[in-house]
Each structure stands twice: as C-alpha cells, then as structure tokens.
N, C-alpha and C. Protein backbone atom coordinates (compact mmCIF):
# COMPACT_ATOMS: atom_id res chain seq x y z
N MET A 1 100.62 139.10 111.71
CA MET A 1 101.91 139.63 111.26
C MET A 1 102.28 139.01 109.91
N ARG A 2 102.63 139.86 108.97
CA ARG A 2 102.97 139.38 107.63
C ARG A 2 104.34 138.71 107.63
N VAL A 3 104.42 137.57 106.95
CA VAL A 3 105.67 136.82 106.87
C VAL A 3 106.46 137.30 105.66
N SER A 4 107.77 137.52 105.85
CA SER A 4 108.61 137.99 104.75
C SER A 4 108.71 136.91 103.67
N LYS A 5 109.12 137.33 102.48
CA LYS A 5 109.25 136.40 101.36
C LYS A 5 110.28 135.31 101.69
N LYS A 6 111.38 135.73 102.34
CA LYS A 6 112.43 134.78 102.70
C LYS A 6 111.92 133.77 103.71
N LYS A 7 111.19 134.26 104.73
CA LYS A 7 110.65 133.36 105.75
C LYS A 7 109.61 132.43 105.17
N ALA A 8 108.81 132.93 104.25
CA ALA A 8 107.78 132.10 103.62
C ALA A 8 108.44 130.95 102.86
N GLU A 9 109.54 131.23 102.16
CA GLU A 9 110.25 130.18 101.43
C GLU A 9 110.87 129.18 102.39
N GLU A 10 111.41 129.66 103.51
CA GLU A 10 111.97 128.77 104.53
C GLU A 10 110.89 127.85 105.08
N ASN A 11 109.70 128.40 105.31
CA ASN A 11 108.59 127.59 105.82
C ASN A 11 108.17 126.53 104.80
N ARG A 12 108.17 126.93 103.54
CA ARG A 12 107.79 125.98 102.48
C ARG A 12 108.78 124.82 102.41
N VAL A 13 110.05 125.14 102.48
CA VAL A 13 111.07 124.10 102.45
C VAL A 13 110.96 123.20 103.68
N ALA A 14 110.68 123.78 104.83
CA ALA A 14 110.53 123.00 106.06
C ALA A 14 109.36 122.02 105.93
N LEU A 15 108.28 122.47 105.31
CA LEU A 15 107.12 121.61 105.10
C LEU A 15 107.44 120.48 104.13
N LEU A 16 108.14 120.81 103.05
CA LEU A 16 108.52 119.79 102.07
C LEU A 16 109.47 118.76 102.67
N ARG A 17 110.42 119.23 103.46
CA ARG A 17 111.37 118.32 104.10
C ARG A 17 110.65 117.37 105.05
N ALA A 18 109.76 117.92 105.87
CA ALA A 18 109.03 117.10 106.83
C ALA A 18 108.11 116.11 106.11
N ALA A 19 107.39 116.61 105.11
CA ALA A 19 106.46 115.75 104.37
C ALA A 19 107.21 114.64 103.65
N SER A 20 108.31 114.99 103.01
CA SER A 20 109.09 114.01 102.26
C SER A 20 109.56 112.87 103.15
N GLN A 21 110.06 113.21 104.32
CA GLN A 21 110.56 112.18 105.24
C GLN A 21 109.42 111.35 105.82
N LEU A 22 108.35 112.01 106.24
CA LEU A 22 107.22 111.29 106.85
C LEU A 22 106.51 110.38 105.85
N PHE A 23 106.30 110.86 104.63
CA PHE A 23 105.63 110.03 103.62
C PHE A 23 106.45 108.79 103.30
N ARG A 24 107.78 108.94 103.24
CA ARG A 24 108.63 107.79 102.95
C ARG A 24 108.69 106.83 104.13
N GLN A 25 108.68 107.38 105.31
CA GLN A 25 108.81 106.55 106.51
C GLN A 25 107.52 105.83 106.88
N ARG A 26 106.40 106.50 106.76
CA ARG A 26 105.13 105.95 107.25
C ARG A 26 104.07 105.75 106.17
N GLY A 27 104.37 106.18 104.95
CA GLY A 27 103.41 106.03 103.87
C GLY A 27 102.57 107.28 103.69
N ILE A 28 102.17 107.53 102.46
CA ILE A 28 101.38 108.72 102.15
C ILE A 28 100.05 108.72 102.90
N ASP A 29 99.36 107.58 102.86
CA ASP A 29 98.05 107.49 103.51
C ASP A 29 98.15 107.41 105.03
N GLY A 30 99.34 107.18 105.54
CA GLY A 30 99.53 107.06 106.99
C GLY A 30 99.89 108.35 107.68
N VAL A 31 99.97 109.44 106.92
CA VAL A 31 100.37 110.73 107.49
C VAL A 31 99.37 111.81 107.09
N GLY A 32 98.90 112.56 108.07
CA GLY A 32 97.97 113.66 107.80
C GLY A 32 98.69 114.98 107.67
N VAL A 33 98.03 115.97 107.07
CA VAL A 33 98.67 117.27 106.89
C VAL A 33 98.98 117.94 108.22
N ALA A 34 98.16 117.69 109.24
CA ALA A 34 98.42 118.29 110.55
C ALA A 34 99.74 117.77 111.12
N GLU A 35 100.05 116.50 110.90
CA GLU A 35 101.31 115.92 111.38
C GLU A 35 102.50 116.52 110.65
N VAL A 36 102.32 116.76 109.37
CA VAL A 36 103.39 117.37 108.59
C VAL A 36 103.68 118.78 109.10
N ALA A 37 102.61 119.54 109.32
CA ALA A 37 102.77 120.91 109.82
C ALA A 37 103.47 120.92 111.17
N LYS A 38 103.07 120.02 112.05
CA LYS A 38 103.66 119.95 113.38
C LYS A 38 105.15 119.59 113.30
N ALA A 39 105.48 118.63 112.45
CA ALA A 39 106.88 118.21 112.29
C ALA A 39 107.74 119.35 111.75
N ALA A 40 107.12 120.23 110.95
CA ALA A 40 107.84 121.37 110.38
C ALA A 40 107.86 122.57 111.33
N GLY A 41 107.16 122.44 112.47
CA GLY A 41 107.09 123.53 113.44
C GLY A 41 106.17 124.65 113.02
N LEU A 42 105.15 124.29 112.22
CA LEU A 42 104.21 125.29 111.70
C LEU A 42 102.77 124.88 112.00
N THR A 43 101.85 125.77 111.70
CA THR A 43 100.44 125.48 111.93
C THR A 43 99.81 124.83 110.71
N HIS A 44 98.66 124.24 110.94
CA HIS A 44 97.86 123.64 109.87
C HIS A 44 97.55 124.68 108.80
N GLY A 45 97.20 125.89 109.25
CA GLY A 45 96.86 126.96 108.32
C GLY A 45 98.05 127.39 107.48
N ALA A 46 99.23 127.38 108.10
CA ALA A 46 100.44 127.78 107.37
C ALA A 46 100.72 126.81 106.23
N LEU A 47 100.43 125.53 106.46
CA LEU A 47 100.64 124.54 105.41
C LEU A 47 99.74 124.83 104.21
N TYR A 48 98.47 125.12 104.47
CA TYR A 48 97.54 125.36 103.37
C TYR A 48 97.80 126.69 102.67
N ALA A 49 98.60 127.56 103.29
CA ALA A 49 98.99 128.80 102.62
C ALA A 49 99.97 128.50 101.48
N HIS A 50 100.64 127.36 101.58
CA HIS A 50 101.62 126.97 100.57
C HIS A 50 101.09 125.88 99.63
N PHE A 51 100.25 125.00 100.16
CA PHE A 51 99.76 123.86 99.37
C PHE A 51 98.25 123.78 99.52
N PRO A 52 97.51 123.92 98.42
CA PRO A 52 96.05 123.96 98.50
C PRO A 52 95.40 122.64 98.92
N SER A 53 96.14 121.54 98.81
CA SER A 53 95.58 120.23 99.15
C SER A 53 96.69 119.28 99.53
N LYS A 54 96.32 118.16 100.13
CA LYS A 54 97.33 117.15 100.45
C LYS A 54 97.94 116.59 99.17
N ASP A 55 97.13 116.45 98.13
CA ASP A 55 97.61 115.94 96.86
C ASP A 55 98.73 116.82 96.32
N ALA A 56 98.55 118.13 96.43
CA ALA A 56 99.58 119.07 95.96
C ALA A 56 100.83 118.94 96.81
N LEU A 57 100.67 118.78 98.11
CA LEU A 57 101.80 118.60 99.01
C LEU A 57 102.57 117.32 98.69
N VAL A 58 101.83 116.23 98.48
CA VAL A 58 102.46 114.95 98.17
C VAL A 58 103.27 115.05 96.88
N ALA A 59 102.70 115.67 95.86
CA ALA A 59 103.39 115.81 94.58
C ALA A 59 104.69 116.59 94.73
N GLU A 60 104.63 117.71 95.44
CA GLU A 60 105.82 118.54 95.63
C GLU A 60 106.85 117.84 96.51
N ALA A 61 106.38 117.17 97.56
CA ALA A 61 107.29 116.49 98.47
C ALA A 61 107.99 115.32 97.78
N PHE A 62 107.28 114.66 96.88
CA PHE A 62 107.86 113.55 96.14
C PHE A 62 109.05 114.04 95.30
N SER A 63 108.83 115.13 94.57
CA SER A 63 109.90 115.69 93.75
C SER A 63 111.04 116.23 94.60
N TYR A 64 110.69 116.85 95.71
CA TYR A 64 111.70 117.41 96.61
C TYR A 64 112.65 116.32 97.12
N GLY A 65 112.07 115.21 97.58
CA GLY A 65 112.89 114.12 98.10
C GLY A 65 113.82 113.54 97.05
N PHE A 66 113.29 113.38 95.85
CA PHE A 66 114.10 112.82 94.77
C PHE A 66 115.24 113.77 94.39
N GLU A 67 114.92 115.06 94.22
CA GLU A 67 115.94 116.03 93.81
C GLU A 67 117.04 116.16 94.86
N ARG A 68 116.67 116.08 96.14
CA ARG A 68 117.68 116.13 97.21
C ARG A 68 118.61 114.93 97.12
N ASN A 69 118.05 113.75 96.93
CA ASN A 69 118.86 112.54 96.82
C ASN A 69 119.77 112.61 95.60
N LEU A 70 119.23 113.10 94.49
CA LEU A 70 120.01 113.19 93.26
C LEU A 70 121.16 114.18 93.41
N ALA A 71 120.90 115.30 94.08
CA ALA A 71 121.94 116.30 94.31
C ALA A 71 123.06 115.74 95.16
N GLU A 72 122.70 114.97 96.19
CA GLU A 72 123.70 114.36 97.06
C GLU A 72 124.54 113.34 96.30
N ALA A 73 123.90 112.57 95.45
CA ALA A 73 124.61 111.56 94.65
C ALA A 73 125.60 112.23 93.70
N ARG A 74 125.16 113.32 93.07
CA ARG A 74 126.03 114.03 92.14
C ARG A 74 127.19 114.70 92.87
N ALA A 75 126.94 115.20 94.07
CA ALA A 75 127.99 115.85 94.85
C ALA A 75 129.06 114.87 95.28
N SER A 76 128.68 113.60 95.44
CA SER A 76 129.65 112.59 95.87
C SER A 76 130.61 112.20 94.75
N ALA A 77 130.23 112.47 93.50
CA ALA A 77 131.10 112.17 92.36
C ALA A 77 130.94 113.27 91.32
N PRO A 78 131.43 114.49 91.63
CA PRO A 78 131.18 115.65 90.75
C PRO A 78 131.94 115.65 89.43
N ASP A 79 133.03 114.90 89.37
CA ASP A 79 133.90 114.99 88.20
C ASP A 79 133.74 113.85 87.20
N ARG A 80 132.82 112.95 87.47
CA ARG A 80 132.66 111.85 86.51
C ARG A 80 131.24 111.29 86.56
N ARG A 81 130.89 110.58 85.52
CA ARG A 81 129.57 109.95 85.43
C ARG A 81 129.69 108.50 85.87
N PRO A 82 128.93 108.08 86.88
CA PRO A 82 129.00 106.68 87.35
C PRO A 82 128.63 105.69 86.24
N SER A 83 129.23 104.53 86.30
CA SER A 83 128.93 103.49 85.32
C SER A 83 127.60 102.82 85.66
N PHE A 84 127.10 102.02 84.73
CA PHE A 84 125.87 101.27 84.97
C PHE A 84 126.02 100.36 86.18
N GLU A 85 127.17 99.71 86.30
CA GLU A 85 127.43 98.81 87.44
C GLU A 85 127.42 99.58 88.76
N GLU A 86 127.97 100.77 88.75
CA GLU A 86 127.98 101.59 89.97
C GLU A 86 126.58 102.02 90.35
N HIS A 87 125.79 102.36 89.33
CA HIS A 87 124.39 102.71 89.61
C HIS A 87 123.66 101.51 90.23
N LEU A 88 123.87 100.34 89.68
CA LEU A 88 123.22 99.14 90.21
C LEU A 88 123.64 98.90 91.65
N ALA A 89 124.91 99.09 91.94
CA ALA A 89 125.41 98.87 93.31
C ALA A 89 124.70 99.78 94.30
N GLY A 90 124.43 101.01 93.89
CA GLY A 90 123.72 101.94 94.77
C GLY A 90 122.24 101.65 94.87
N LEU A 91 121.62 101.36 93.73
CA LEU A 91 120.18 101.12 93.69
C LEU A 91 119.77 99.88 94.49
N PHE A 92 120.65 98.87 94.49
CA PHE A 92 120.31 97.60 95.15
C PHE A 92 121.10 97.38 96.44
N SER A 93 121.52 98.45 97.06
CA SER A 93 122.29 98.35 98.31
C SER A 93 121.38 98.18 99.52
N SER A 94 121.93 97.63 100.59
CA SER A 94 121.16 97.50 101.83
C SER A 94 120.83 98.87 102.40
N GLU A 95 121.68 99.86 102.12
CA GLU A 95 121.42 101.22 102.59
C GLU A 95 120.17 101.79 101.92
N ALA A 96 120.03 101.54 100.62
CA ALA A 96 118.83 102.00 99.90
C ALA A 96 117.58 101.36 100.47
N ARG A 97 117.71 100.13 100.94
CA ARG A 97 116.58 99.43 101.55
C ARG A 97 116.27 99.93 102.95
N ASP A 98 117.29 100.13 103.77
CA ASP A 98 117.10 100.36 105.19
C ASP A 98 116.76 101.79 105.58
N LYS A 99 117.18 102.77 104.80
CA LYS A 99 116.94 104.17 105.15
C LYS A 99 115.64 104.67 104.51
N LEU A 100 114.55 104.28 105.13
CA LEU A 100 113.24 104.62 104.57
C LEU A 100 113.03 106.12 104.42
N GLU A 101 113.27 106.87 105.50
CA GLU A 101 112.91 108.29 105.50
C GLU A 101 113.78 109.14 104.57
N THR A 102 114.95 108.63 104.18
CA THR A 102 115.82 109.39 103.28
C THR A 102 116.09 108.63 101.97
N GLY A 103 115.45 107.49 101.78
CA GLY A 103 115.68 106.68 100.59
C GLY A 103 114.92 107.18 99.38
N CYS A 104 114.91 106.36 98.34
CA CYS A 104 114.24 106.73 97.09
C CYS A 104 112.73 106.85 97.29
N PRO A 105 112.12 107.98 96.94
CA PRO A 105 110.68 108.14 97.09
C PRO A 105 109.88 107.11 96.27
N MET A 106 110.43 106.68 95.14
CA MET A 106 109.71 105.71 94.32
C MET A 106 109.58 104.38 95.05
N THR A 107 110.67 103.90 95.64
CA THR A 107 110.60 102.61 96.34
C THR A 107 109.75 102.70 97.59
N ALA A 108 109.67 103.88 98.18
CA ALA A 108 108.88 104.05 99.41
C ALA A 108 107.39 104.14 99.11
N SER A 109 107.03 104.71 97.97
CA SER A 109 105.62 105.06 97.72
C SER A 109 104.98 104.40 96.52
N ALA A 110 105.70 103.56 95.80
CA ALA A 110 105.17 102.99 94.55
C ALA A 110 103.81 102.32 94.72
N SER A 111 103.65 101.56 95.81
CA SER A 111 102.40 100.82 96.00
C SER A 111 101.21 101.73 96.30
N GLU A 112 101.47 103.00 96.67
CA GLU A 112 100.40 103.93 97.02
C GLU A 112 100.03 104.88 95.89
N ILE A 113 100.91 105.03 94.94
CA ILE A 113 100.74 106.08 93.92
C ILE A 113 99.44 105.94 93.14
N ALA A 114 99.04 104.71 92.84
CA ALA A 114 97.83 104.49 92.05
C ALA A 114 96.57 105.01 92.77
N ARG A 115 96.64 105.14 94.10
CA ARG A 115 95.49 105.63 94.87
C ARG A 115 95.51 107.15 95.03
N GLN A 116 96.55 107.81 94.51
CA GLN A 116 96.66 109.25 94.63
C GLN A 116 96.13 109.93 93.38
N GLY A 117 96.18 111.25 93.36
CA GLY A 117 95.67 112.01 92.23
C GLY A 117 96.61 112.05 91.04
N ASN A 118 96.15 112.72 89.97
CA ASN A 118 96.92 112.81 88.74
C ASN A 118 98.26 113.51 88.94
N ALA A 119 98.29 114.53 89.79
CA ALA A 119 99.52 115.29 90.00
C ALA A 119 100.61 114.41 90.58
N VAL A 120 100.25 113.55 91.52
CA VAL A 120 101.22 112.66 92.15
C VAL A 120 101.70 111.62 91.13
N SER A 121 100.76 111.07 90.36
CA SER A 121 101.11 110.10 89.34
C SER A 121 102.08 110.70 88.32
N ALA A 122 101.82 111.95 87.95
CA ALA A 122 102.68 112.63 86.98
C ALA A 122 104.09 112.83 87.53
N ARG A 123 104.19 113.17 88.82
CA ARG A 123 105.51 113.35 89.43
C ARG A 123 106.25 112.01 89.49
N PHE A 124 105.54 110.96 89.81
CA PHE A 124 106.17 109.63 89.85
C PHE A 124 106.70 109.27 88.47
N ALA A 125 105.86 109.48 87.44
CA ALA A 125 106.27 109.17 86.08
C ALA A 125 107.49 109.99 85.67
N GLY A 126 107.52 111.26 86.07
CA GLY A 126 108.64 112.12 85.73
C GLY A 126 109.94 111.67 86.38
N VAL A 127 109.85 111.29 87.65
CA VAL A 127 111.03 110.82 88.37
C VAL A 127 111.51 109.49 87.78
N PHE A 128 110.56 108.60 87.48
CA PHE A 128 110.91 107.32 86.88
C PHE A 128 111.68 107.54 85.58
N GLU A 129 111.18 108.42 84.74
CA GLU A 129 111.84 108.71 83.46
C GLU A 129 113.22 109.33 83.67
N GLU A 130 113.36 110.16 84.69
CA GLU A 130 114.65 110.80 84.95
C GLU A 130 115.70 109.77 85.36
N VAL A 131 115.30 108.81 86.19
CA VAL A 131 116.24 107.76 86.60
C VAL A 131 116.57 106.86 85.42
N VAL A 132 115.56 106.55 84.61
CA VAL A 132 115.79 105.74 83.41
C VAL A 132 116.81 106.43 82.50
N THR A 133 116.64 107.71 82.28
CA THR A 133 117.56 108.47 81.44
C THR A 133 118.98 108.43 82.00
N MET A 134 119.10 108.58 83.30
CA MET A 134 120.40 108.55 83.95
C MET A 134 121.09 107.20 83.72
N LEU A 135 120.33 106.12 83.80
CA LEU A 135 120.90 104.80 83.56
C LEU A 135 121.23 104.59 82.09
N GLU A 136 120.36 105.06 81.21
CA GLU A 136 120.63 104.96 79.78
C GLU A 136 121.97 105.61 79.44
N GLU A 137 122.21 106.78 80.02
CA GLU A 137 123.44 107.53 79.73
C GLU A 137 124.68 106.85 80.29
N SER A 138 124.49 105.96 81.27
CA SER A 138 125.64 105.27 81.87
C SER A 138 126.03 104.02 81.09
N LEU A 139 125.17 103.58 80.19
CA LEU A 139 125.45 102.39 79.39
C LEU A 139 126.36 102.75 78.21
N GLU A 140 127.13 101.80 77.77
CA GLU A 140 128.06 102.03 76.67
C GLU A 140 127.29 102.38 75.40
N GLU A 141 127.81 103.36 74.66
CA GLU A 141 127.13 103.82 73.44
C GLU A 141 127.11 102.77 72.34
N VAL A 142 127.99 101.75 72.48
CA VAL A 142 127.99 100.69 71.49
C VAL A 142 126.66 99.94 71.48
N VAL A 143 125.96 99.96 72.61
CA VAL A 143 124.64 99.32 72.71
C VAL A 143 123.61 100.23 72.06
N PRO A 144 122.80 99.73 71.14
CA PRO A 144 121.78 100.56 70.47
C PRO A 144 120.85 101.24 71.47
N ALA A 145 120.35 102.41 71.08
CA ALA A 145 119.50 103.21 71.96
C ALA A 145 118.28 102.44 72.47
N THR A 146 117.65 101.63 71.59
CA THR A 146 116.46 100.88 72.02
C THR A 146 116.79 99.87 73.11
N LYS A 147 117.97 99.25 73.02
CA LYS A 147 118.38 98.27 74.03
C LYS A 147 118.80 98.97 75.32
N ARG A 148 119.44 100.13 75.20
CA ARG A 148 119.79 100.89 76.41
C ARG A 148 118.53 101.28 77.16
N ARG A 149 117.54 101.72 76.41
CA ARG A 149 116.27 102.10 77.02
C ARG A 149 115.63 100.90 77.73
N ARG A 150 115.62 99.76 77.07
CA ARG A 150 115.00 98.56 77.64
C ARG A 150 115.71 98.13 78.93
N LEU A 151 117.02 98.14 78.91
CA LEU A 151 117.79 97.76 80.10
C LEU A 151 117.55 98.74 81.25
N ALA A 152 117.51 100.02 80.93
CA ALA A 152 117.32 101.04 81.96
C ALA A 152 115.93 100.95 82.59
N VAL A 153 114.91 100.80 81.76
CA VAL A 153 113.54 100.67 82.29
C VAL A 153 113.43 99.43 83.18
N ALA A 154 113.98 98.32 82.71
CA ALA A 154 113.93 97.08 83.48
C ALA A 154 114.65 97.23 84.81
N ALA A 155 115.78 97.93 84.80
CA ALA A 155 116.56 98.10 86.01
C ALA A 155 115.82 98.92 87.06
N VAL A 156 115.19 100.01 86.63
CA VAL A 156 114.47 100.86 87.58
C VAL A 156 113.24 100.15 88.13
N ALA A 157 112.49 99.49 87.25
CA ALA A 157 111.31 98.74 87.69
C ALA A 157 111.71 97.61 88.63
N ALA A 158 112.79 96.92 88.30
CA ALA A 158 113.26 95.81 89.13
C ALA A 158 113.72 96.31 90.50
N GLN A 159 114.35 97.49 90.51
CA GLN A 159 114.81 98.03 91.79
C GLN A 159 113.64 98.33 92.71
N ILE A 160 112.60 98.93 92.16
CA ILE A 160 111.42 99.25 92.98
C ILE A 160 110.83 97.98 93.58
N GLY A 161 110.70 96.95 92.76
CA GLY A 161 110.14 95.69 93.24
C GLY A 161 111.06 94.98 94.21
N ALA A 162 112.35 94.95 93.90
CA ALA A 162 113.30 94.24 94.76
C ALA A 162 113.42 94.89 96.13
N ILE A 163 113.45 96.21 96.16
CA ILE A 163 113.53 96.92 97.44
C ILE A 163 112.27 96.64 98.27
N ALA A 164 111.11 96.64 97.61
CA ALA A 164 109.86 96.37 98.32
C ALA A 164 109.86 94.97 98.93
N VAL A 165 110.27 93.98 98.17
CA VAL A 165 110.32 92.60 98.68
C VAL A 165 111.35 92.48 99.79
N SER A 166 112.52 93.06 99.57
CA SER A 166 113.58 92.98 100.57
C SER A 166 113.15 93.61 101.88
N ARG A 167 112.47 94.74 101.82
CA ARG A 167 111.96 95.38 103.04
C ARG A 167 110.90 94.51 103.72
N ALA A 168 110.08 93.88 102.90
CA ALA A 168 108.99 93.08 103.44
C ALA A 168 109.47 91.88 104.25
N VAL A 169 110.61 91.31 103.85
CA VAL A 169 111.09 90.09 104.53
C VAL A 169 112.26 90.36 105.47
N ALA A 170 112.77 91.59 105.51
CA ALA A 170 113.99 91.89 106.26
C ALA A 170 113.90 91.55 107.74
N LYS A 171 112.77 91.84 108.38
CA LYS A 171 112.65 91.57 109.82
C LYS A 171 112.62 90.07 110.11
N ALA A 172 112.03 89.30 109.22
CA ALA A 172 111.89 87.87 109.45
C ALA A 172 113.10 87.08 108.97
N ASP A 173 113.72 87.54 107.87
CA ASP A 173 114.81 86.77 107.27
C ASP A 173 115.78 87.74 106.57
N LYS A 174 116.76 88.22 107.32
CA LYS A 174 117.72 89.20 106.79
C LYS A 174 118.51 88.62 105.62
N ALA A 175 118.86 87.34 105.70
CA ALA A 175 119.64 86.71 104.63
C ALA A 175 118.85 86.70 103.32
N LEU A 176 117.57 86.40 103.42
CA LEU A 176 116.72 86.40 102.22
C LEU A 176 116.58 87.81 101.68
N ALA A 177 116.44 88.77 102.57
CA ALA A 177 116.32 90.17 102.15
C ALA A 177 117.54 90.60 101.34
N ASP A 178 118.72 90.22 101.81
CA ASP A 178 119.96 90.56 101.11
C ASP A 178 120.06 89.79 99.78
N GLU A 179 119.60 88.54 99.81
CA GLU A 179 119.65 87.71 98.60
C GLU A 179 118.79 88.29 97.48
N VAL A 180 117.64 88.82 97.84
CA VAL A 180 116.74 89.42 96.84
C VAL A 180 117.45 90.57 96.11
N LEU A 181 118.12 91.41 96.86
CA LEU A 181 118.82 92.55 96.26
C LEU A 181 120.00 92.09 95.40
N GLU A 182 120.80 91.17 95.96
CA GLU A 182 121.99 90.71 95.26
C GLU A 182 121.64 89.94 93.99
N SER A 183 120.65 89.09 94.07
CA SER A 183 120.25 88.29 92.91
C SER A 183 119.71 89.17 91.78
N THR A 184 118.91 90.15 92.14
CA THR A 184 118.35 91.04 91.12
C THR A 184 119.45 91.89 90.48
N ARG A 185 120.34 92.39 91.31
CA ARG A 185 121.44 93.21 90.79
C ARG A 185 122.31 92.40 89.83
N LYS A 186 122.68 91.19 90.23
CA LYS A 186 123.55 90.36 89.39
C LYS A 186 122.87 89.96 88.09
N THR A 187 121.57 89.72 88.13
CA THR A 187 120.83 89.36 86.93
C THR A 187 120.82 90.51 85.93
N LEU A 188 120.61 91.72 86.41
CA LEU A 188 120.62 92.90 85.55
C LEU A 188 122.02 93.16 85.00
N SER A 189 123.02 92.98 85.84
CA SER A 189 124.40 93.17 85.42
C SER A 189 124.75 92.19 84.31
N ALA A 190 124.34 90.94 84.49
CA ALA A 190 124.62 89.92 83.48
C ALA A 190 123.90 90.22 82.18
N ALA A 191 122.68 90.68 82.27
CA ALA A 191 121.91 91.02 81.06
C ALA A 191 122.60 92.14 80.29
N CYS A 192 123.12 93.11 81.01
CA CYS A 192 123.84 94.21 80.38
C CYS A 192 125.09 93.71 79.66
N LYS A 193 125.83 92.83 80.31
CA LYS A 193 127.05 92.29 79.71
C LYS A 193 126.74 91.46 78.47
N VAL A 194 125.66 90.70 78.52
CA VAL A 194 125.26 89.89 77.36
C VAL A 194 124.90 90.79 76.17
N GLU A 195 124.14 91.84 76.44
CA GLU A 195 123.75 92.76 75.38
C GLU A 195 124.97 93.43 74.76
N THR A 196 125.89 93.88 75.62
CA THR A 196 127.09 94.56 75.13
C THR A 196 127.96 93.61 74.31
N ALA A 197 128.15 92.40 74.82
CA ALA A 197 128.97 91.41 74.12
C ALA A 197 128.35 91.04 72.78
N SER A 198 127.03 90.91 72.74
CA SER A 198 126.32 90.54 71.52
C SER A 198 126.50 91.61 70.44
N VAL A 199 126.38 92.88 70.84
CA VAL A 199 126.53 93.98 69.89
C VAL A 199 127.96 94.02 69.35
N ARG A 200 128.93 93.84 70.22
CA ARG A 200 130.33 93.87 69.78
C ARG A 200 130.65 92.71 68.84
N GLU A 201 130.11 91.55 69.16
CA GLU A 201 130.35 90.37 68.31
C GLU A 201 129.74 90.59 66.93
N SER A 202 128.55 91.15 66.92
CA SER A 202 127.87 91.42 65.64
C SER A 202 128.65 92.44 64.82
N SER A 203 129.20 93.42 65.50
CA SER A 203 129.97 94.47 64.83
C SER A 203 131.24 93.89 64.22
N LEU A 204 131.88 92.97 64.94
CA LEU A 204 133.09 92.33 64.44
C LEU A 204 132.82 91.47 63.22
N ARG A 205 131.69 90.76 63.23
CA ARG A 205 131.32 89.90 62.10
C ARG A 205 131.08 90.73 60.84
N GLN A 206 130.49 91.90 61.04
CA GLN A 206 130.19 92.77 59.91
C GLN A 206 131.48 93.32 59.27
N ARG A 207 132.51 93.48 60.08
CA ARG A 207 133.77 94.02 59.58
C ARG A 207 134.59 92.96 58.81
N GLU A 208 134.34 91.70 59.13
CA GLU A 208 135.11 90.62 58.50
C GLU A 208 134.72 90.40 57.03
C-alpha cells in the first residue's frame, strides 16, 4: 500500500524524533537503526526509505534535535534577545546536564563525532557555529568583533567539556558535578566582564 506524502513526512519526523532522543541518551554507537525504527513504530525498511544509511540518519537527527531545542528556547523569550549571562546560565545549568535525551546534541555526542562520517562532522560544525553566533550577538557591541568571537567560541567549547565532566562525576559526587558547571560559568562570566571593562576604559582614555 502506497503511503501518502503527509504520512511519509509524519514517519520521517517520528524517525528523527526517536533517533535524536536515543542517540543523545545512549550514544550514537550504542543504538542501531532497527532500534530507532522500533521506537518510531516503523519497520527497518521504512527507515531506509527515508535515510540511505545510519550516517545520514545521524546527521539529520543531530540537526533535528538542535533545531527543536533552539525553537523551544526562542519560544520561551519571543520578545527579546537573552544576554550573554542568561545564555551562560542555561548552558551550564544542572538541567542541561541531567536531561540527556532532550539536552544539547553537541554535549551528548561530541566524543563520538570524530568516529562518524563527514556528514555528521559537518552538521556538528554547523551547529557549533550557530551557537557561537548566537552568543556573539548577545555580547555588548562595545566589545570588538574579534573578542566577541573569541569569547563565544571559548564559551561553547567550555560548555561541551564542562557538561561532559559534570555528567561523568555526577553519580559519584554530585557536589563536584555542580562545582564544575558553576566554576566554568563564573570564569567565563568574569572573562566577559574584564573584556568589556577593558574596552570601555580604553575608549575613555582616548576621549581624554
């Protein structure tokens, strides 16, 4: 029986949703395509009708998870752009650490990406750049573009590492897990304030 265009799209979304959650929860290499199909309520063959390989599925699911999270974040504050400090509070929160299946795909899969194909690496790079851009735009314009870029890249890279370490020690030492997130967040926040203050001070000296 031929599947309608609408139903085919629904099936594709169901596969992406299932894959996105399973890959984040159990790891890319820890989940097979048959498990993804079963979780989506579809057959193995139905999955390959949409995605020619697991690599293609991983790449699409990675982007799907990120775009869903980004849409939810934007919906929570539709009328304004969050500040750099607010972004840091979200990126380094215990919620970001604890909700594996719905958390950031980068923090869930960073350690596995190098073992995947070019398509997956490209999606990771694209998402990384998108988050960097979002953070750059949240920084005060008084800070030069090169410094905004440096702070944003450092913040995203630090978040991926801090979340990974915090997750690794959370079961054994919850206090340490929280300390890792808080210390990294405060260090980045302080660096941002130092850069901003330095630029303003330099600007004032030039006017005198």
